[in-house]
């Protein structure tokens, strides 16, 4: 039988080896032919959304709740780190028929 101190040290070492640190993910949303794709995405607080504008004209990704307003130059990608949980509907200010939703869950 191992002494208590050694047992604790061994247990701590094993837990350190098997613990998995949480890494932020990157979620890509493509803008092509006046459409956000996917139109519905799920992410966690701390994840990064990258909007990839494949169109030849500018768009925005504007949160209806006012949390963010991302300008999307033509043929460019723009990232946004998600800071709070909740469901966020967004649209393009230049093309209001372009709509999407991101459901942001806690970490």
N, C-alpha and C. Protein backbone atom coordinates (compact mmCIF):
# COMPACT_ATOMS: atom_id res chain seq x y z
N UNK A 1 0.83 -1.17 0.00
CA UNK A 1 0.00 0.00 0.00
C UNK A 1 0.88 1.25 0.00
N UNK A 2 0.51 2.22 -0.81
CA UNK A 2 1.29 3.45 -0.93
C UNK A 2 0.96 4.40 0.21
N UNK A 3 1.96 5.15 0.66
CA UNK A 3 1.68 6.18 1.66
C UNK A 3 0.68 7.20 1.08
N UNK A 4 -0.08 7.80 1.97
CA UNK A 4 -1.13 8.74 1.56
C UNK A 4 -0.59 9.87 0.67
N UNK A 5 0.54 10.41 1.03
CA UNK A 5 1.12 11.51 0.26
C UNK A 5 1.46 11.07 -1.17
N UNK A 6 2.03 9.90 -1.30
CA UNK A 6 2.39 9.38 -2.61
C UNK A 6 1.12 9.07 -3.43
N UNK A 7 0.09 8.55 -2.77
CA UNK A 7 -1.17 8.26 -3.45
C UNK A 7 -1.77 9.55 -4.01
N UNK A 8 -1.76 10.59 -3.20
CA UNK A 8 -2.29 11.88 -3.66
C UNK A 8 -1.49 12.42 -4.84
N UNK A 9 -0.18 12.34 -4.77
CA UNK A 9 0.68 12.83 -5.86
C UNK A 9 0.44 12.03 -7.13
N UNK A 10 0.29 10.72 -6.99
CA UNK A 10 0.03 9.87 -8.15
C UNK A 10 -1.33 10.20 -8.77
N UNK A 11 -2.34 10.37 -7.93
CA UNK A 11 -3.67 10.72 -8.41
C UNK A 11 -3.65 12.08 -9.13
N UNK A 12 -2.96 13.05 -8.58
CA UNK A 12 -2.87 14.36 -9.21
C UNK A 12 -2.18 14.26 -10.57
N UNK A 13 -1.13 13.45 -10.66
CA UNK A 13 -0.41 13.29 -11.93
C UNK A 13 -1.30 12.64 -12.98
N UNK A 14 -2.06 11.63 -12.60
CA UNK A 14 -2.96 10.95 -13.53
C UNK A 14 -4.04 11.90 -14.01
N UNK A 15 -4.64 12.66 -13.09
CA UNK A 15 -5.68 13.60 -13.48
C UNK A 15 -5.14 14.67 -14.42
N UNK A 16 -3.92 15.10 -14.20
CA UNK A 16 -3.31 16.09 -15.08
C UNK A 16 -3.12 15.51 -16.47
N UNK A 17 -2.73 14.27 -16.56
CA UNK A 17 -2.49 13.65 -17.86
C UNK A 17 -3.78 13.41 -18.64
N UNK A 18 -4.87 13.08 -17.96
CA UNK A 18 -6.11 12.77 -18.67
C UNK A 18 -7.01 13.97 -18.85
N UNK A 19 -6.70 15.07 -18.20
CA UNK A 19 -7.56 16.24 -18.38
C UNK A 19 -7.36 16.80 -19.78
N UNK A 20 -8.43 17.26 -20.34
CA UNK A 20 -8.39 17.83 -21.68
C UNK A 20 -8.77 19.29 -21.57
N UNK A 21 -7.90 20.14 -22.06
CA UNK A 21 -8.23 21.56 -21.99
C UNK A 21 -9.20 21.90 -23.12
N UNK A 22 -10.09 22.83 -22.83
CA UNK A 22 -11.07 23.25 -23.83
C UNK A 22 -10.40 24.22 -24.80
N UNK A 23 -10.59 23.96 -26.08
CA UNK A 23 -10.05 24.84 -27.11
C UNK A 23 -11.20 25.52 -27.83
N UNK A 24 -11.00 26.77 -28.12
CA UNK A 24 -12.02 27.49 -28.88
C UNK A 24 -12.04 26.95 -30.30
N UNK A 25 -13.22 26.91 -30.86
CA UNK A 25 -13.40 26.42 -32.22
C UNK A 25 -13.57 27.60 -33.17
N UNK A 26 -13.41 27.32 -34.44
CA UNK A 26 -13.69 28.30 -35.49
C UNK A 26 -14.85 27.78 -36.31
N UNK A 27 -15.87 28.60 -36.46
CA UNK A 27 -17.05 28.26 -37.24
C UNK A 27 -17.07 29.16 -38.46
N UNK A 28 -17.11 28.57 -39.64
CA UNK A 28 -17.11 29.35 -40.87
C UNK A 28 -18.53 29.51 -41.41
N UNK A 29 -18.86 30.74 -41.78
CA UNK A 29 -20.14 31.04 -42.43
C UNK A 29 -19.79 31.72 -43.75
N UNK A 30 -20.21 31.10 -44.83
CA UNK A 30 -19.90 31.60 -46.17
C UNK A 30 -21.02 32.49 -46.67
N UNK A 31 -20.63 33.55 -47.34
CA UNK A 31 -21.59 34.43 -48.02
C UNK A 31 -21.35 34.24 -49.51
N UNK A 32 -22.36 33.71 -50.19
CA UNK A 32 -22.23 33.43 -51.61
C UNK A 32 -23.59 33.56 -52.26
N UNK A 33 -23.67 34.34 -53.34
CA UNK A 33 -24.93 34.56 -54.05
C UNK A 33 -26.02 35.09 -53.13
N UNK A 34 -25.65 36.05 -52.28
CA UNK A 34 -26.59 36.72 -51.37
C UNK A 34 -27.22 35.78 -50.35
N UNK A 35 -26.45 34.78 -49.89
CA UNK A 35 -26.95 33.82 -48.90
C UNK A 35 -25.87 33.56 -47.86
N UNK A 36 -26.26 33.56 -46.57
CA UNK A 36 -25.39 33.10 -45.49
C UNK A 36 -25.52 31.57 -45.43
N UNK A 37 -24.40 30.87 -45.41
CA UNK A 37 -24.45 29.41 -45.36
C UNK A 37 -23.39 28.89 -44.40
N UNK A 38 -23.78 28.16 -43.37
CA UNK A 38 -25.15 27.77 -43.05
C UNK A 38 -25.93 28.97 -42.48
N UNK A 39 -27.22 28.94 -42.67
CA UNK A 39 -28.08 30.01 -42.16
C UNK A 39 -28.25 29.90 -40.65
N UNK A 40 -28.08 28.69 -40.12
CA UNK A 40 -28.15 28.47 -38.67
C UNK A 40 -26.87 27.78 -38.23
N UNK A 41 -26.20 28.37 -37.25
CA UNK A 41 -24.96 27.82 -36.73
C UNK A 41 -25.01 27.77 -35.21
N UNK A 42 -24.24 26.86 -34.65
CA UNK A 42 -24.12 26.73 -33.20
C UNK A 42 -22.64 26.87 -32.83
N UNK A 43 -22.38 27.61 -31.77
CA UNK A 43 -21.01 27.82 -31.30
C UNK A 43 -21.05 28.02 -29.79
N UNK A 44 -19.87 28.11 -29.19
CA UNK A 44 -19.76 28.34 -27.76
C UNK A 44 -19.12 29.71 -27.51
N UNK A 45 -19.36 30.25 -26.33
CA UNK A 45 -18.68 31.48 -25.92
C UNK A 45 -17.17 31.23 -26.05
N UNK A 46 -16.47 32.15 -26.67
CA UNK A 46 -15.03 32.01 -26.88
C UNK A 46 -14.68 31.50 -28.27
N UNK A 47 -15.64 30.89 -28.96
CA UNK A 47 -15.40 30.45 -30.33
C UNK A 47 -15.31 31.65 -31.26
N UNK A 48 -14.75 31.43 -32.42
CA UNK A 48 -14.64 32.48 -33.43
C UNK A 48 -15.53 32.14 -34.62
N UNK A 49 -16.34 33.10 -35.01
CA UNK A 49 -17.10 32.98 -36.25
C UNK A 49 -16.28 33.69 -37.32
N UNK A 50 -16.07 33.04 -38.45
CA UNK A 50 -15.39 33.67 -39.58
C UNK A 50 -16.38 33.72 -40.73
N UNK A 51 -16.74 34.95 -41.12
CA UNK A 51 -17.59 35.14 -42.29
C UNK A 51 -16.68 35.23 -43.50
N UNK A 52 -16.96 34.43 -44.52
CA UNK A 52 -16.17 34.39 -45.74
C UNK A 52 -17.05 34.92 -46.87
N UNK A 53 -16.75 36.11 -47.32
CA UNK A 53 -17.55 36.75 -48.36
C UNK A 53 -17.00 36.36 -49.74
N UNK A 54 -17.71 35.50 -50.44
CA UNK A 54 -17.30 35.08 -51.78
C UNK A 54 -17.93 35.95 -52.87
N UNK A 55 -18.83 36.84 -52.48
CA UNK A 55 -19.49 37.70 -53.45
C UNK A 55 -18.56 38.83 -53.89
N UNK A 56 -18.95 39.50 -54.98
CA UNK A 56 -18.13 40.59 -55.51
C UNK A 56 -18.53 41.95 -54.95
N UNK A 57 -19.50 41.94 -54.01
CA UNK A 57 -19.92 43.20 -53.38
C UNK A 57 -19.95 43.04 -51.87
N UNK A 58 -19.98 44.18 -51.18
CA UNK A 58 -19.92 44.21 -49.72
C UNK A 58 -21.23 43.73 -49.08
N UNK A 59 -21.07 43.15 -47.90
CA UNK A 59 -22.20 42.73 -47.06
C UNK A 59 -21.91 43.16 -45.63
N UNK A 60 -22.87 42.93 -44.75
CA UNK A 60 -22.63 43.05 -43.31
C UNK A 60 -23.20 41.80 -42.64
N UNK A 61 -22.75 41.56 -41.45
CA UNK A 61 -23.38 40.59 -40.55
C UNK A 61 -23.74 41.42 -39.32
N UNK A 62 -24.99 41.84 -39.25
CA UNK A 62 -25.45 42.79 -38.24
C UNK A 62 -26.40 42.09 -37.28
N UNK A 63 -26.00 42.02 -36.01
CA UNK A 63 -26.83 41.36 -34.99
C UNK A 63 -28.07 42.21 -34.71
N UNK A 64 -29.23 41.60 -34.71
CA UNK A 64 -30.48 42.32 -34.44
C UNK A 64 -30.52 42.86 -33.02
N UNK A 65 -29.81 42.21 -32.09
CA UNK A 65 -29.80 42.68 -30.70
C UNK A 65 -28.73 43.74 -30.44
N UNK A 66 -27.99 44.15 -31.49
CA UNK A 66 -26.98 45.20 -31.35
C UNK A 66 -25.63 44.74 -30.85
N UNK A 67 -25.43 43.44 -30.66
CA UNK A 67 -24.15 42.95 -30.13
C UNK A 67 -22.97 43.20 -31.06
N UNK A 68 -23.17 43.12 -32.37
CA UNK A 68 -22.08 43.33 -33.32
C UNK A 68 -22.63 43.73 -34.69
N UNK A 69 -21.75 44.37 -35.44
CA UNK A 69 -22.07 44.79 -36.81
C UNK A 69 -20.77 44.65 -37.60
N UNK A 70 -20.66 43.56 -38.33
CA UNK A 70 -19.44 43.22 -39.04
C UNK A 70 -19.54 43.68 -40.50
N UNK A 71 -18.60 44.51 -40.94
CA UNK A 71 -18.54 44.91 -42.35
C UNK A 71 -17.79 43.83 -43.12
N UNK A 72 -18.37 43.41 -44.22
CA UNK A 72 -17.82 42.33 -45.04
C UNK A 72 -17.39 42.84 -46.41
N UNK A 73 -16.12 43.20 -46.58
CA UNK A 73 -15.67 43.62 -47.91
C UNK A 73 -15.78 42.45 -48.90
N UNK A 74 -15.88 42.76 -50.19
CA UNK A 74 -15.94 41.70 -51.19
C UNK A 74 -14.69 40.81 -51.15
N UNK A 75 -14.91 39.52 -51.30
CA UNK A 75 -13.81 38.54 -51.41
C UNK A 75 -12.87 38.53 -50.20
N UNK A 76 -13.39 38.88 -49.01
CA UNK A 76 -12.58 38.91 -47.79
C UNK A 76 -13.24 38.07 -46.70
N UNK A 77 -12.46 37.71 -45.68
CA UNK A 77 -12.95 37.02 -44.50
C UNK A 77 -12.80 37.92 -43.29
N UNK A 78 -13.79 37.87 -42.40
CA UNK A 78 -13.76 38.70 -41.19
C UNK A 78 -14.13 37.83 -39.99
N UNK A 79 -13.27 37.83 -38.93
CA UNK A 79 -13.56 37.03 -37.74
C UNK A 79 -14.28 37.83 -36.65
N UNK A 80 -14.98 37.09 -35.79
CA UNK A 80 -15.62 37.67 -34.60
C UNK A 80 -15.55 36.63 -33.49
N UNK A 81 -14.99 37.01 -32.34
CA UNK A 81 -14.97 36.12 -31.17
C UNK A 81 -16.26 36.34 -30.39
N UNK A 82 -16.96 35.24 -30.11
CA UNK A 82 -18.24 35.31 -29.40
C UNK A 82 -18.01 35.50 -27.91
N UNK A 83 -18.66 36.50 -27.34
CA UNK A 83 -18.39 36.86 -25.94
C UNK A 83 -19.51 36.51 -24.97
N UNK A 84 -20.73 36.24 -25.47
CA UNK A 84 -21.80 35.90 -24.53
C UNK A 84 -22.76 34.90 -25.15
N UNK A 85 -23.40 34.14 -24.29
CA UNK A 85 -24.33 33.10 -24.72
C UNK A 85 -25.68 33.69 -25.12
N UNK A 86 -26.37 32.97 -25.96
CA UNK A 86 -27.70 33.37 -26.39
C UNK A 86 -27.90 33.09 -27.87
N UNK A 87 -29.12 33.24 -28.30
CA UNK A 87 -29.44 33.08 -29.71
C UNK A 87 -29.43 34.46 -30.36
N UNK A 88 -28.64 34.60 -31.43
CA UNK A 88 -28.49 35.90 -32.08
C UNK A 88 -28.94 35.79 -33.54
N UNK A 89 -29.98 36.53 -33.87
CA UNK A 89 -30.40 36.65 -35.27
C UNK A 89 -29.59 37.78 -35.89
N UNK A 90 -29.15 37.58 -37.12
CA UNK A 90 -28.40 38.63 -37.80
C UNK A 90 -28.85 38.72 -39.26
N UNK A 91 -28.45 39.81 -39.91
CA UNK A 91 -28.85 40.05 -41.29
C UNK A 91 -27.80 40.94 -41.95
N UNK A 92 -27.94 41.15 -43.25
CA UNK A 92 -27.10 42.08 -43.99
C UNK A 92 -27.85 43.39 -44.14
N UNK A 93 -27.25 44.49 -43.68
CA UNK A 93 -27.90 45.80 -43.80
C UNK A 93 -28.11 46.21 -45.25
N UNK A 94 -27.24 45.77 -46.16
CA UNK A 94 -27.36 46.11 -47.58
C UNK A 94 -28.39 45.25 -48.30
N UNK A 95 -28.61 44.05 -47.78
CA UNK A 95 -29.51 43.08 -48.41
C UNK A 95 -30.34 42.42 -47.30
N UNK A 96 -31.39 43.08 -46.82
CA UNK A 96 -32.15 42.62 -45.64
C UNK A 96 -32.76 41.22 -45.77
N UNK A 97 -32.86 40.69 -46.98
CA UNK A 97 -33.36 39.32 -47.13
C UNK A 97 -32.33 38.28 -46.73
N UNK A 98 -31.08 38.69 -46.59
CA UNK A 98 -30.02 37.79 -46.12
C UNK A 98 -30.10 37.72 -44.60
N UNK A 99 -30.36 36.52 -44.08
CA UNK A 99 -30.56 36.36 -42.64
C UNK A 99 -29.87 35.10 -42.15
N UNK A 100 -29.53 35.12 -40.87
CA UNK A 100 -28.95 33.95 -40.23
C UNK A 100 -29.16 33.99 -38.73
N UNK A 101 -28.85 32.88 -38.09
CA UNK A 101 -28.95 32.77 -36.63
C UNK A 101 -27.73 32.01 -36.12
N UNK A 102 -27.17 32.51 -35.03
CA UNK A 102 -26.10 31.80 -34.33
C UNK A 102 -26.59 31.55 -32.91
N UNK A 103 -26.60 30.29 -32.51
CA UNK A 103 -26.92 29.92 -31.14
C UNK A 103 -25.60 29.75 -30.41
N UNK A 104 -25.37 30.59 -29.41
CA UNK A 104 -24.12 30.59 -28.66
C UNK A 104 -24.40 29.99 -27.29
N UNK A 105 -23.73 28.87 -27.00
CA UNK A 105 -23.90 28.21 -25.72
C UNK A 105 -22.75 28.57 -24.78
N UNK A 106 -22.96 28.44 -23.48
CA UNK A 106 -21.85 28.70 -22.55
C UNK A 106 -20.74 27.68 -22.78
N UNK A 107 -19.55 28.00 -22.35
CA UNK A 107 -18.42 27.08 -22.52
C UNK A 107 -18.64 25.83 -21.81
